[in-house]
Amino acid sequence: MFISVFFCAAILLALAPGRGFSQIYLSGPVAGILEDTTYIVIADIVVQASTELIIEPGAELYFNSDCDFNIHGYLSAQGNEVDSVKFLRQNPDQPWGHIVFYNDSHDSSKMAYCLISGGYADPDNDWPYNCGGGVLCSYSSPTFEHCAIAGNQAGYCGGGMAIYLDSETVLNECSIMGNTADNDGGGMQIFSSSPHLINSVFASNLAAVVGGGISAGESSPIIDNCLFQYNDCSFGGGGFYCDRSYNLELKNSQFLYNNTDGSGGGMMLGEESSAITVDSCNVIGNTALQGGGIFCSIVTADISHCLITADSASGDGGGIAFYGAIINLENCAITHNFAGNSAGAAYLANNSRIHLLNSIIDNNFGMSGFFIDSTGNLILTYSDLYNNENGHFSGNFNPQLGQMVTVNANGDSCDVFYNIYLDPLYLDPLFGDFHLQETSPCIDAGDPASALDPDSTIADMGYYFYDQTVSVENPFLDLSPTTFDLLPCFPNPFNESLTIPFTLDQALPVKLKIYNQLGQLVSDFEFRISNLGENQVVWDASGQGSGVYYVRLMVDGRWQAVEKVVLLK
């Protein structure tokens, strides 16, 4: 095969022991084209300023210990669905360095269908080069699409990736999985930057301090339609953590089964952050010491159209805990959360000022639904409270809450703040369907001054509005996060054959992708479901080795879920 490559350093062509194909040894400056073959990086390689390097599909770069890939010019490393571009360690027992985009790298640089694994940001390096175990972007804004950044480690921050210092990096359809950081940001750390992260998965990452999935400081990222699942950290923000940030947007994303030993199992918003927006997110099944779903500390934020359910705190605030926070919550459902100490739904302390509007707070378990300390202030209007264990309120709450003194526009008894205390009549809460039934008292019971629902009727309470323009037999116009579900795969662990069941209530395109522990795509299926209800796919894993795999279901390009399975042979 002809290799068209220009080096300022010599190229040595050899056959490495134990490999039956030609390899090219790389070191020093490199430019031109790296074609589809195997390369062994024996010392740092660099794309110099004002030069270009194109890495074609199928190229595999194996790095010796401590070797970095430094980009000062233009890099195009673009594989495809069949042939990815791989950046891996040569010795399984020795990590390599990492990929670094510097301030003079070209912002049009792009990596697509790349696998980056086994990287290590040495803690002895000067900051920020001790960050970003797989990739570091410093004053640079490359684009990443369909990339897997997996199994990397940072001696300081950003186990998989670090985005620093005025970088506007874009990630689209990427998987950041199984990375670790000895400080913050197991999957990614963002500092003083404004990246755009869309349609991406942050799963099974680990941070020693904060931000198991992502840690953001002094930054304004936009995070849209991303999945945070099975991430972990010690002190705060199992899925996501931010401090001193502003104009940060988290929307259309899912925070599932993340954990921290500290505060905010799903996410922690805090420490002097302001103008934070959390919109249309699911916060489900997360665990923490306090704030099982969300922890808000010294922050101003708007949280709207969010489902906060099945979260738990061993201490306070099964759903949410607020410390010194000023928060507006609108059209949320805080349901079926648990606190071991107090406040199954929400805990307010340290001068927190919370306004909860058009929401449903029901079936939370703890010493009460809400606890408000002597400095907290809860303003609760046009909402529904129902069946919260040991009463809806405790602590310093307005005594007019719960005193039925008037009726609302629907004729239901309510307190002076137009809160009702009735069964919201979800469609099927035991199976996670929190749509409203046709007879729900929450329909048209929201604040008449709020924006109208999409069906041009008065605002409903809760996460989902009831669409009054369609028949009862067909109540949903659009796919929602609960109209599909990836059911537990079985058997798990399995030997060669795995059944992957899922439910789907609409005929929509489905993608099912399976990744190994390194984040490599090992199998995928793409089809359109015609049989509604429960379906299943059988994966033949006879050609795969024992280990952990991730099953990722995507529906209509908008909703996704991940299941971890174990193959044992």
Protein backbone atom coordinates (compact mmCIF):
# COMPACT_ATOMS: atom_id res chain seq x y z
CA MET A 1 0.00 0.00 0.00
CA PHE A 2 1.31 3.45 -0.90
CA ILE A 3 1.66 5.78 2.06
CA SER A 4 1.78 9.48 1.30
CA VAL A 5 3.30 11.16 4.34
CA PHE A 6 5.65 14.09 4.81
CA PHE A 7 7.82 14.12 7.90
CA CYS A 8 10.46 16.50 9.16
CA ALA A 9 11.77 13.52 11.09
CA ALA A 10 12.82 10.20 9.59
CA ILE A 11 10.33 7.39 8.93
CA LEU A 12 11.39 3.89 9.83
CA LEU A 13 9.53 1.04 8.17
CA ALA A 14 9.60 -2.27 10.02
CA LEU A 15 7.67 -5.35 11.01
CA ALA A 16 6.95 -5.34 14.73
CA PRO A 17 7.29 -8.62 16.63
CA GLY A 18 4.04 -10.54 16.89
CA ARG A 19 2.28 -8.58 14.12
CA GLY A 20 1.82 -9.89 10.61
CA PHE A 21 1.57 -6.58 8.74
CA SER A 22 3.69 -3.57 7.87
CA GLN A 23 3.95 -0.77 10.34
CA ILE A 24 5.34 2.72 10.14
CA TYR A 25 7.16 4.28 13.05
CA LEU A 26 6.32 7.94 13.71
CA SER A 27 8.00 10.69 15.67
CA GLY A 28 8.40 14.43 15.40
CA PRO A 29 6.54 16.71 12.95
CA VAL A 30 4.08 15.04 10.58
CA ALA A 31 1.98 16.41 7.72
CA GLY A 32 0.25 15.21 4.57
CA ILE A 33 -1.80 12.00 4.59
CA LEU A 34 -1.80 8.98 6.86
CA GLU A 35 -3.51 6.22 4.92
CA ASP A 36 -5.17 2.99 6.05
CA THR A 37 -2.40 1.12 7.84
CA THR A 38 -0.83 0.73 11.28
CA TYR A 39 1.48 3.34 12.81
CA ILE A 40 3.66 3.03 15.90
CA VAL A 41 4.31 6.35 17.64
CA ILE A 42 7.72 6.08 19.32
CA ALA A 43 8.02 9.73 20.44
CA ASP A 44 5.78 12.80 20.51
CA ILE A 45 4.28 13.66 17.12
CA VAL A 46 3.18 17.16 16.14
CA VAL A 47 1.16 18.88 13.44
CA GLN A 48 3.08 22.13 13.14
CA ALA A 49 1.46 25.53 12.71
CA SER A 50 0.36 26.27 9.14
CA THR A 51 0.62 22.59 8.15
CA GLU A 52 -2.10 20.01 7.57
CA LEU A 53 -2.49 16.35 8.47
CA ILE A 54 -5.25 14.14 7.09
CA ILE A 55 -5.76 10.73 8.71
CA GLU A 56 -7.88 8.48 6.55
CA PRO A 57 -10.42 5.80 7.58
CA GLY A 58 -8.89 2.60 8.90
CA ALA A 59 -5.65 4.16 10.15
CA GLU A 60 -4.54 2.90 13.55
CA LEU A 61 -2.02 4.79 15.67
CA TYR A 62 -0.45 2.89 18.58
CA PHE A 63 1.41 5.12 21.02
CA ASN A 64 4.33 4.14 23.19
CA SER A 65 4.34 5.22 26.82
CA ASP A 66 4.09 8.99 27.47
CA CYS A 67 3.88 9.92 23.76
CA ASP A 68 1.63 12.90 22.97
CA PHE A 69 -0.08 13.99 19.76
CA ASN A 70 0.20 17.80 19.57
CA ILE A 71 -1.83 19.81 17.05
CA HIS A 72 -0.79 23.34 16.16
CA GLY A 73 -2.05 23.35 12.58
CA TYR A 74 -4.98 21.61 10.87
CA LEU A 75 -6.04 18.04 11.64
CA SER A 76 -8.66 15.99 9.83
CA ALA A 77 -9.01 12.51 11.36
CA GLN A 78 -12.24 11.22 9.89
CA GLY A 79 -13.19 7.59 9.77
CA ASN A 80 -16.59 6.21 8.92
CA GLU A 81 -19.08 3.69 10.28
CA VAL A 82 -17.11 0.80 8.78
CA ASP A 83 -13.53 1.98 9.33
CA SER A 84 -12.80 4.14 12.34
CA VAL A 85 -9.55 5.91 13.12
CA LYS A 86 -7.95 4.59 16.30
CA PHE A 87 -5.61 6.17 18.82
CA LEU A 88 -4.52 3.46 21.24
CA ARG A 89 -1.66 2.44 23.49
CA GLN A 90 0.96 0.08 22.12
CA ASN A 91 1.61 -1.68 25.43
CA PRO A 92 -1.54 -2.81 27.27
CA ASP A 93 0.20 -2.13 30.59
CA GLN A 94 1.46 1.36 29.77
CA PRO A 95 -0.75 4.34 28.90
CA TRP A 96 0.35 6.81 26.29
CA GLY A 97 0.02 10.60 26.55
CA HIS A 98 -2.94 12.45 25.05
CA ILE A 99 -4.12 14.52 22.07
CA VAL A 100 -3.63 18.26 22.58
CA PHE A 101 -5.18 21.01 20.44
CA TYR A 102 -3.26 24.26 21.04
CA ASN A 103 -4.27 27.87 20.50
CA ASP A 104 -2.74 27.91 17.00
CA SER A 105 -4.59 24.80 15.86
CA HIS A 106 -7.18 25.46 13.16
CA ASP A 107 -10.76 25.74 14.44
CA SER A 108 -11.96 23.77 11.41
CA SER A 109 -10.03 20.72 12.64
CA LYS A 110 -12.31 17.71 12.92
CA MET A 111 -12.27 14.21 14.36
CA ALA A 112 -15.04 11.82 13.31
CA TYR A 113 -15.57 8.13 13.96
CA CYS A 114 -12.43 8.05 16.09
CA LEU A 115 -11.64 5.84 19.04
CA ILE A 116 -9.37 7.42 21.66
CA SER A 117 -8.42 5.04 24.47
CA GLY A 118 -5.64 4.32 26.92
CA GLY A 119 -4.52 7.95 27.18
CA TYR A 120 -3.09 9.48 30.33
CA ALA A 121 -2.55 13.08 31.39
CA ASP A 122 0.44 12.91 33.73
CA PRO A 123 -0.15 14.74 37.04
CA ASP A 124 3.49 15.91 36.96
CA ASN A 125 2.82 17.99 33.85
CA ASP A 126 2.17 21.71 34.25
CA TRP A 127 -1.47 22.80 34.16
CA PRO A 128 -3.41 22.39 31.90
CA TYR A 129 -1.38 19.56 30.38
CA ASN A 130 -2.08 17.38 33.42
CA CYS A 131 -5.73 17.41 32.28
CA GLY A 132 -7.64 15.67 29.52
CA GLY A 133 -6.64 12.02 29.67
CA GLY A 134 -7.77 11.42 26.09
CA VAL A 135 -8.04 14.92 24.61
CA LEU A 136 -7.16 18.43 25.77
CA CYS A 137 -8.50 21.49 23.93
CA SER A 138 -6.81 24.72 25.06
CA TYR A 139 -7.83 27.98 23.38
CA SER A 140 -9.08 25.80 20.52
CA SER A 141 -12.40 24.76 19.00
CA PRO A 142 -12.21 21.54 16.99
CA THR A 143 -15.28 19.44 16.19
CA PHE A 144 -15.82 15.83 17.28
CA GLU A 145 -18.51 13.66 15.72
CA HIS A 146 -19.30 9.98 16.33
CA CYS A 147 -16.18 9.61 18.46
CA ALA A 148 -15.65 7.24 21.38
CA ILE A 149 -13.40 8.56 24.14
CA ALA A 150 -13.12 5.66 26.55
CA GLY A 151 -10.79 4.16 29.12
CA ASN A 152 -8.59 7.23 29.59
CA GLN A 153 -7.28 8.77 32.82
CA ALA A 154 -6.24 12.22 33.98
CA GLY A 155 -3.84 12.69 36.87
CA TYR A 156 -5.69 15.94 37.57
CA CYS A 157 -8.97 16.78 35.79
CA GLY A 158 -10.96 15.67 32.77
CA GLY A 159 -10.49 11.91 32.59
CA GLY A 160 -11.74 11.57 29.04
CA MET A 161 -11.50 15.15 27.81
CA ALA A 162 -10.70 18.67 29.02
CA ILE A 163 -12.04 21.79 27.27
CA TYR A 164 -10.24 24.87 28.55
CA LEU A 165 -9.70 28.59 28.11
CA ASP A 166 -12.10 30.15 25.59
CA SER A 167 -12.60 26.93 23.67
CA GLU A 168 -15.88 26.48 21.76
CA THR A 169 -15.45 22.82 20.99
CA VAL A 170 -18.40 20.91 19.47
CA LEU A 171 -19.24 17.29 20.35
CA ASN A 172 -22.00 15.55 18.40
CA GLU A 173 -23.01 11.88 18.71
CA CYS A 174 -19.99 11.05 20.87
CA SER A 175 -19.57 8.52 23.68
CA ILE A 176 -17.48 9.47 26.72
CA MET A 177 -17.36 6.27 28.74
CA GLY A 178 -15.28 4.54 31.38
CA ASN A 179 -12.82 7.39 32.00
CA THR A 180 -11.38 8.42 35.37
CA ALA A 181 -9.99 11.64 36.87
CA ASP A 182 -7.93 11.90 40.03
CA ASN A 183 -9.67 15.21 40.73
CA ASP A 184 -12.66 16.71 38.87
CA GLY A 185 -14.56 15.68 35.76
CA GLY A 186 -14.40 11.93 35.31
CA GLY A 187 -15.72 12.08 31.77
CA MET A 188 -14.98 15.72 30.95
CA GLN A 189 -13.92 18.96 32.57
CA ILE A 190 -14.86 22.33 31.12
CA PHE A 191 -13.09 25.46 32.32
CA SER A 192 -13.60 29.03 31.13
CA SER A 193 -15.12 27.79 27.86
CA SER A 194 -18.39 27.55 25.94
CA PRO A 195 -18.56 24.18 24.21
CA HIS A 196 -21.67 22.77 22.54
CA LEU A 197 -22.34 19.15 23.51
CA ILE A 198 -25.20 17.46 21.68
CA ASN A 199 -26.60 13.94 21.26
CA SER A 200 -23.79 12.45 23.32
CA VAL A 201 -23.43 9.85 26.07
CA PHE A 202 -21.47 10.25 29.31
CA ALA A 203 -21.52 6.87 31.05
CA SER A 204 -19.61 4.97 33.75
CA ASN A 205 -17.06 7.73 34.33
CA LEU A 206 -15.46 8.26 37.74
CA ALA A 207 -14.08 11.39 39.44
CA ALA A 208 -12.27 11.38 42.76
CA VAL A 209 -13.75 14.77 43.72
CA VAL A 210 -16.66 16.32 41.74
CA GLY A 211 -18.42 15.83 38.43
CA GLY A 212 -18.50 12.13 37.66
CA GLY A 213 -19.77 12.78 34.14
CA ILE A 214 -18.89 16.45 33.60
CA SER A 215 -17.43 19.18 35.78
CA ALA A 216 -17.79 22.77 34.53
CA GLY A 217 -16.18 25.83 36.09
CA GLU A 218 -16.46 29.47 35.00
CA SER A 219 -18.07 28.22 31.81
CA SER A 220 -21.18 28.53 29.65
CA PRO A 221 -21.68 25.21 27.90
CA ILE A 222 -24.80 24.25 25.99
CA ILE A 223 -25.66 20.61 26.68
CA ASP A 224 -28.52 19.33 24.55
CA ASN A 225 -30.02 15.83 24.26
CA CYS A 226 -27.26 14.09 26.19
CA LEU A 227 -27.37 11.05 28.43
CA PHE A 228 -25.60 10.90 31.81
CA GLN A 229 -25.71 7.40 33.25
CA TYR A 230 -23.83 5.35 35.86
CA ASN A 231 -21.32 8.13 36.58
CA ASP A 232 -19.84 8.42 40.07
CA CYS A 233 -17.83 10.81 42.22
CA SER A 234 -17.02 11.42 45.87
CA PHE A 235 -18.13 14.94 46.74
CA GLY A 236 -20.74 16.38 44.38
CA GLY A 237 -22.50 16.08 41.05
CA GLY A 238 -22.56 12.40 40.20
CA GLY A 239 -23.71 13.11 36.67
CA PHE A 240 -22.95 16.83 36.29
CA TYR A 241 -21.32 19.53 38.41
CA CYS A 242 -20.86 23.26 37.86
CA ASP A 243 -19.50 26.17 39.85
CA ARG A 244 -18.94 29.86 39.08
CA SER A 245 -20.67 29.32 35.74
CA TYR A 246 -23.21 31.47 33.94
CA ASN A 247 -25.69 31.23 31.05
CA LEU A 248 -25.27 27.48 31.17
CA GLU A 249 -27.97 25.45 29.41
CA LEU A 250 -28.91 21.85 30.19
CA LYS A 251 -31.82 20.74 28.05
CA ASN A 252 -33.54 17.65 26.67
CA SER A 253 -31.13 15.45 28.61
CA GLN A 254 -31.37 12.45 30.88
CA PHE A 255 -29.62 11.87 34.21
CA LEU A 256 -30.06 8.23 35.12
CA TYR A 257 -28.58 6.19 37.98
CA ASN A 258 -25.65 8.46 38.76
CA ASN A 259 -24.17 8.52 42.27
CA THR A 260 -22.11 10.63 44.62
CA ASP A 261 -21.12 10.17 48.23
CA GLY A 262 -21.75 13.89 48.66
CA SER A 263 -24.35 16.22 47.15
CA GLY A 264 -26.38 15.98 43.96
CA GLY A 265 -26.59 12.46 42.58
CA GLY A 266 -27.89 13.57 39.19
CA MET A 267 -26.48 17.07 39.14
CA MET A 268 -25.04 19.74 41.41
CA LEU A 269 -25.60 23.36 40.42
CA GLY A 270 -23.75 25.73 42.57
CA GLU A 271 -21.05 27.75 44.16
CA GLU A 272 -21.76 31.20 42.76
CA SER A 273 -23.27 30.12 39.46
CA SER A 274 -26.00 32.25 37.89
CA ALA A 275 -28.49 32.30 35.03
CA ILE A 276 -28.52 28.51 34.80
CA THR A 277 -31.26 26.91 32.68
CA VAL A 278 -32.37 23.30 33.12
CA ASP A 279 -35.19 22.47 30.71
CA SER A 280 -36.96 19.26 29.66
CA CYS A 281 -34.67 16.89 31.53
CA ASN A 282 -35.29 13.54 33.20
CA VAL A 283 -33.58 13.06 36.57
CA ILE A 284 -34.25 9.45 37.51
CA GLY A 285 -32.82 6.90 39.93
CA ASN A 286 -29.83 8.94 41.15
CA THR A 287 -28.37 8.63 44.66
CA ALA A 288 -26.49 10.96 47.04
CA LEU A 289 -26.04 11.93 50.65
CA GLN A 290 -28.21 15.00 50.07
CA GLY A 291 -30.11 16.07 46.99
CA GLY A 292 -30.54 12.64 45.44
CA GLY A 293 -31.64 14.10 42.11
CA ILE A 294 -30.43 17.71 42.18
CA PHE A 295 -28.43 19.78 44.66
CA CYS A 296 -28.48 23.58 44.30
CA SER A 297 -26.01 25.68 46.32
CA ILE A 298 -25.46 29.44 46.03
CA VAL A 299 -26.97 29.49 42.55
CA THR A 300 -29.73 31.19 40.60
CA ALA A 301 -31.46 28.91 38.13
CA ASP A 302 -34.63 28.21 36.21
CA ILE A 303 -35.70 24.56 36.19
CA SER A 304 -38.67 23.77 33.97
CA HIS A 305 -40.49 20.81 32.44
CA CYS A 306 -38.37 18.29 34.34
CA LEU A 307 -39.25 14.88 35.70
CA ILE A 308 -37.53 14.16 39.02
CA THR A 309 -38.37 10.67 40.18
CA ALA A 310 -36.99 7.58 41.93
CA ASP A 311 -34.04 9.56 43.30
CA SER A 312 -32.85 8.97 46.84
CA ALA A 313 -30.75 10.67 49.51
CA SER A 314 -29.50 8.96 52.62
CA GLY A 315 -29.70 12.38 54.27
CA ASP A 316 -31.91 15.29 53.16
CA GLY A 317 -33.79 16.03 49.97
CA GLY A 318 -34.60 12.86 48.08
CA GLY A 319 -35.57 14.80 44.95
CA ILE A 320 -33.84 18.18 45.44
CA ALA A 321 -31.86 19.95 48.15
CA PHE A 322 -31.42 23.74 48.15
CA TYR A 323 -28.71 25.57 50.11
CA GLY A 324 -28.52 29.32 49.59
CA ALA A 325 -30.25 28.97 46.22
CA ILE A 326 -32.70 31.16 44.32
CA ILE A 327 -34.63 28.86 42.02
CA ASN A 328 -37.75 29.04 39.88
CA LEU A 329 -39.28 25.61 39.14
CA GLU A 330 -42.12 25.42 36.65
CA ASN A 331 -44.08 22.49 35.26
CA CYS A 332 -42.05 19.84 37.01
CA ALA A 333 -43.08 16.49 38.49
CA ILE A 334 -41.28 15.62 41.73
CA THR A 335 -42.55 12.15 42.45
CA HIS A 336 -41.62 8.89 44.18
CA ASN A 337 -38.34 10.15 45.65
CA PHE A 338 -36.93 9.05 49.01
CA ALA A 339 -34.93 10.68 51.82
CA GLY A 340 -33.56 8.78 54.79
CA ASN A 341 -33.48 11.85 56.98
CA SER A 342 -36.09 14.42 55.96
CA ALA A 343 -37.87 15.93 52.96
CA GLY A 344 -38.53 13.26 50.39
CA ALA A 345 -39.35 15.89 47.74
CA ALA A 346 -37.26 18.98 48.58
CA TYR A 347 -35.14 20.39 51.41
CA LEU A 348 -34.67 24.17 51.76
CA ALA A 349 -31.92 25.69 53.92
CA ASN A 350 -29.47 28.59 54.22
CA ASN A 351 -31.68 31.41 52.91
CA SER A 352 -32.95 29.51 49.89
CA ARG A 353 -35.76 31.21 47.98
CA ILE A 354 -37.76 28.74 45.91
CA HIS A 355 -40.79 29.44 43.71
CA LEU A 356 -42.57 26.30 42.56
CA LEU A 357 -45.29 26.81 39.94
CA ASN A 358 -47.59 24.52 37.92
CA SER A 359 -45.94 21.42 39.34
CA ILE A 360 -46.91 18.09 40.89
CA ILE A 361 -45.28 16.88 44.10
CA ASP A 362 -46.58 13.46 45.04
CA ASN A 363 -45.76 10.13 46.67
CA ASN A 364 -42.40 11.19 48.05
CA PHE A 365 -41.10 9.31 51.08
CA GLY A 366 -39.36 10.76 54.12
CA MET A 367 -40.19 12.72 57.23
CA SER A 368 -42.26 15.06 55.02
CA GLY A 369 -42.60 16.19 51.42
CA PHE A 370 -40.88 19.57 51.99
CA PHE A 371 -38.69 20.73 54.84
CA ILE A 372 -37.99 24.46 55.14
CA ASP A 373 -35.49 25.64 57.73
CA SER A 374 -35.86 28.90 59.66
CA THR A 375 -34.15 30.91 56.90
CA GLY A 376 -35.81 29.29 53.87
CA ASN A 377 -38.75 30.60 51.88
CA LEU A 378 -41.00 28.38 49.76
CA ILE A 379 -43.50 30.02 47.42
CA LEU A 380 -45.77 27.28 46.09
CA THR A 381 -48.55 28.20 43.68
CA TYR A 382 -50.91 26.46 41.25
CA SER A 383 -49.46 23.06 42.08
CA ASP A 384 -50.73 19.66 43.19
CA LEU A 385 -49.52 17.91 46.34
CA TYR A 386 -50.63 14.37 47.03
CA ASN A 387 -49.76 11.46 49.33
CA ASN A 388 -46.35 12.65 50.52
CA GLU A 389 -45.29 10.60 53.53
CA ASN A 390 -45.73 12.21 56.97
CA GLY A 391 -47.39 15.28 55.49
CA HIS A 392 -46.55 17.72 52.76
CA PHE A 393 -44.69 20.31 54.85
CA SER A 394 -42.49 20.58 57.91
CA GLY A 395 -40.31 23.29 59.38
CA ASN A 396 -40.81 26.96 58.59
CA PHE A 397 -43.68 26.89 56.07
CA ASN A 398 -46.50 29.30 55.40
CA PRO A 399 -49.45 28.11 57.53
CA GLN A 400 -51.86 29.04 54.72
CA LEU A 401 -50.46 26.19 52.63
CA GLY A 402 -52.94 23.34 52.71
CA GLN A 403 -55.76 25.38 54.22
CA MET A 404 -58.64 24.80 51.82
CA VAL A 405 -60.33 28.19 51.58
CA THR A 406 -61.40 28.58 47.97
CA VAL A 407 -61.91 26.77 44.66
CA ASN A 408 -59.97 27.00 41.41
CA ALA A 409 -61.20 27.46 37.86
CA ASN A 410 -62.07 23.75 37.65
CA GLY A 411 -64.18 23.96 40.81
CA ASP A 412 -61.76 21.92 42.93
CA SER A 413 -61.02 22.93 46.51
CA CYS A 414 -57.66 24.65 46.90
CA ASP A 415 -55.71 26.84 49.27
CA VAL A 416 -55.23 30.56 48.88
CA PHE A 417 -52.31 29.93 46.54
CA TYR A 418 -54.49 27.77 44.24
CA ASN A 419 -52.72 24.57 45.19
CA ILE A 420 -54.81 21.42 45.06
CA TYR A 421 -54.31 18.24 47.08
CA LEU A 422 -55.70 15.54 44.80
CA ASP A 423 -54.49 12.39 43.07
CA PRO A 424 -52.90 13.67 39.83
CA LEU A 425 -54.14 10.55 38.01
CA TYR A 426 -51.05 9.65 36.02
CA LEU A 427 -51.50 7.10 33.26
CA ASP A 428 -49.17 4.47 34.72
CA PRO A 429 -46.72 5.75 37.38
CA LEU A 430 -45.60 2.24 38.37
CA PHE A 431 -44.11 1.88 34.90
CA GLY A 432 -42.81 5.43 34.70
CA ASP A 433 -45.60 6.94 32.61
CA PHE A 434 -46.42 10.31 34.17
CA HIS A 435 -48.75 11.55 31.45
CA LEU A 436 -52.09 12.73 32.76
CA GLN A 437 -55.32 10.81 32.36
CA GLU A 438 -58.25 12.56 30.72
CA THR A 439 -59.92 13.03 34.12
CA SER A 440 -56.84 14.41 35.93
CA PRO A 441 -57.58 17.42 38.17
CA CYS A 442 -54.25 18.90 37.00
CA ILE A 443 -55.57 19.67 33.50
CA ASP A 444 -56.14 23.42 33.02
CA ALA A 445 -55.39 23.92 36.73
CA GLY A 446 -52.13 25.82 36.28
CA ASP A 447 -51.61 29.57 36.54
CA PRO A 448 -53.84 31.29 33.94
CA ALA A 449 -51.09 33.91 33.56
CA SER A 450 -48.59 31.28 32.43
CA ALA A 451 -47.93 30.62 28.77
CA LEU A 452 -50.60 28.46 27.18
CA ASP A 453 -49.91 24.78 26.62
CA PRO A 454 -49.05 23.73 23.05
CA ASP A 455 -52.73 22.85 22.49
CA SER A 456 -53.59 26.52 23.24
CA THR A 457 -55.34 25.72 26.52
CA ILE A 458 -54.59 26.96 30.04
CA ALA A 459 -51.40 25.55 31.51
CA ASP A 460 -51.63 22.10 33.06
CA MET A 461 -49.73 21.07 36.16
CA GLY A 462 -46.81 18.69 35.93
CA TYR A 463 -44.22 17.46 33.47
CA TYR A 464 -46.57 16.55 30.61
CA PHE A 465 -49.49 18.59 29.39
CA TYR A 466 -52.65 16.75 28.36
CA ASP A 467 -53.25 17.36 24.67
CA GLN A 468 -56.92 18.24 24.31
CA THR A 469 -56.79 18.39 20.51
CA VAL A 470 -56.46 14.62 20.01
CA SER A 471 -58.72 11.72 20.86
CA VAL A 472 -58.43 9.77 24.08
CA GLU A 473 -57.44 6.70 22.05
CA ASN A 474 -54.41 8.53 20.61
CA PRO A 475 -53.31 10.98 23.30
CA PHE A 476 -49.71 11.62 22.19
CA LEU A 477 -48.65 13.59 19.16
CA ASP A 478 -44.95 13.53 19.89
CA LEU A 479 -42.54 10.98 21.24
CA SER A 480 -41.78 11.54 24.90
CA PRO A 481 -39.15 9.97 27.13
CA THR A 482 -41.69 7.53 28.55
CA THR A 483 -43.21 6.27 25.30
CA PHE A 484 -40.23 3.98 24.92
CA ASP A 485 -38.15 1.99 27.35
CA LEU A 486 -35.10 -0.21 27.16
CA LEU A 487 -36.05 -3.13 29.39
CA PRO A 488 -33.47 -5.18 31.33
CA CYS A 489 -31.46 -7.32 28.91
CA PHE A 490 -31.38 -11.02 29.67
CA PRO A 491 -29.67 -13.16 30.64
CA ASN A 492 -27.21 -10.82 32.30
CA PRO A 493 -24.44 -11.97 32.61
CA PHE A 494 -24.82 -13.88 29.33
CA ASN A 495 -22.90 -16.36 27.22
CA GLU A 496 -22.85 -15.49 23.48
CA SER A 497 -26.57 -14.71 23.03
CA LEU A 498 -28.23 -11.65 24.59
CA THR A 499 -31.91 -10.72 24.30
CA ILE A 500 -32.49 -6.96 24.23
CA PRO A 501 -36.15 -6.12 24.91
CA PHE A 502 -37.68 -2.68 24.59
CA THR A 503 -41.08 -1.07 24.31
CA LEU A 504 -42.17 1.54 21.78
CA ASP A 505 -45.58 3.15 21.41
CA GLN A 506 -45.07 4.74 17.99
CA ALA A 507 -43.74 3.54 14.64
CA LEU A 508 -40.42 5.37 14.65
CA PRO A 509 -36.85 4.70 13.49
CA VAL A 510 -34.75 2.81 16.03
CA LYS A 511 -30.98 2.51 16.34
CA LEU A 512 -29.45 -0.07 18.62
CA LYS A 513 -25.69 0.17 19.12
CA ILE A 514 -23.46 -2.01 21.27
CA TYR A 515 -20.09 -0.80 22.58
CA ASN A 516 -17.33 -2.60 24.40
CA GLN A 517 -15.69 -1.24 27.55
CA LEU A 518 -13.27 0.83 25.45
CA GLY A 519 -16.17 2.55 23.75
CA GLN A 520 -15.64 0.73 20.45
CA LEU A 521 -18.78 0.08 18.43
CA VAL A 522 -18.95 -3.71 18.05
CA SER A 523 -22.45 -4.17 16.64
CA ASP A 524 -25.37 -2.05 15.52
CA PHE A 525 -28.91 -2.46 14.26
CA GLU A 526 -31.09 0.11 12.50
CA PHE A 527 -34.73 -0.49 11.68
CA ARG A 528 -38.23 0.91 11.93
CA ILE A 529 -40.65 -0.70 14.35
CA SER A 530 -44.05 -1.70 13.00
CA ASN A 531 -45.20 -3.84 15.94
CA LEU A 532 -45.97 -1.45 18.77
CA GLY A 533 -45.53 -2.45 22.37
CA GLU A 534 -42.76 -4.81 23.45
CA ASN A 535 -40.13 -5.81 20.89
CA GLN A 536 -36.79 -7.51 21.17
CA VAL A 537 -33.51 -7.94 19.33
CA VAL A 538 -31.15 -10.87 19.85
CA TRP A 539 -27.44 -10.06 19.72
CA ASP A 540 -25.09 -12.85 18.74
CA ALA A 541 -21.89 -12.07 20.66
CA SER A 542 -20.08 -15.28 19.77
CA GLY A 543 -17.32 -13.28 18.08
CA GLN A 544 -16.73 -11.04 21.09
CA GLY A 545 -14.53 -11.54 24.14
CA SER A 546 -15.64 -11.66 27.75
CA GLY A 547 -16.15 -8.31 29.42
CA VAL A 548 -18.50 -5.38 29.97
CA TYR A 549 -20.61 -4.07 27.08
CA TYR A 550 -23.03 -1.18 26.75
CA VAL A 551 -26.32 -1.49 24.86
CA ARG A 552 -27.48 1.91 23.59
CA LEU A 553 -31.02 2.41 22.26
CA MET A 554 -31.84 5.56 20.28
CA VAL A 555 -35.35 6.35 19.06
CA ASP A 556 -36.02 8.93 16.38
CA GLY A 557 -32.64 10.51 17.08
CA ARG A 558 -34.06 12.18 20.19
CA TRP A 559 -34.36 9.75 23.07
CA GLN A 560 -31.84 7.24 24.27
CA ALA A 561 -31.11 4.75 27.03
CA VAL A 562 -28.10 2.65 27.96
CA GLU A 563 -27.94 -0.76 29.64
CA LYS A 564 -24.72 -2.33 30.96
CA VAL A 565 -24.32 -6.06 30.33
CA VAL A 566 -21.59 -8.61 31.04
CA LEU A 567 -20.44 -11.31 28.62
CA LEU A 568 -18.94 -14.37 30.31
CA LYS A 569 -17.49 -17.25 28.29
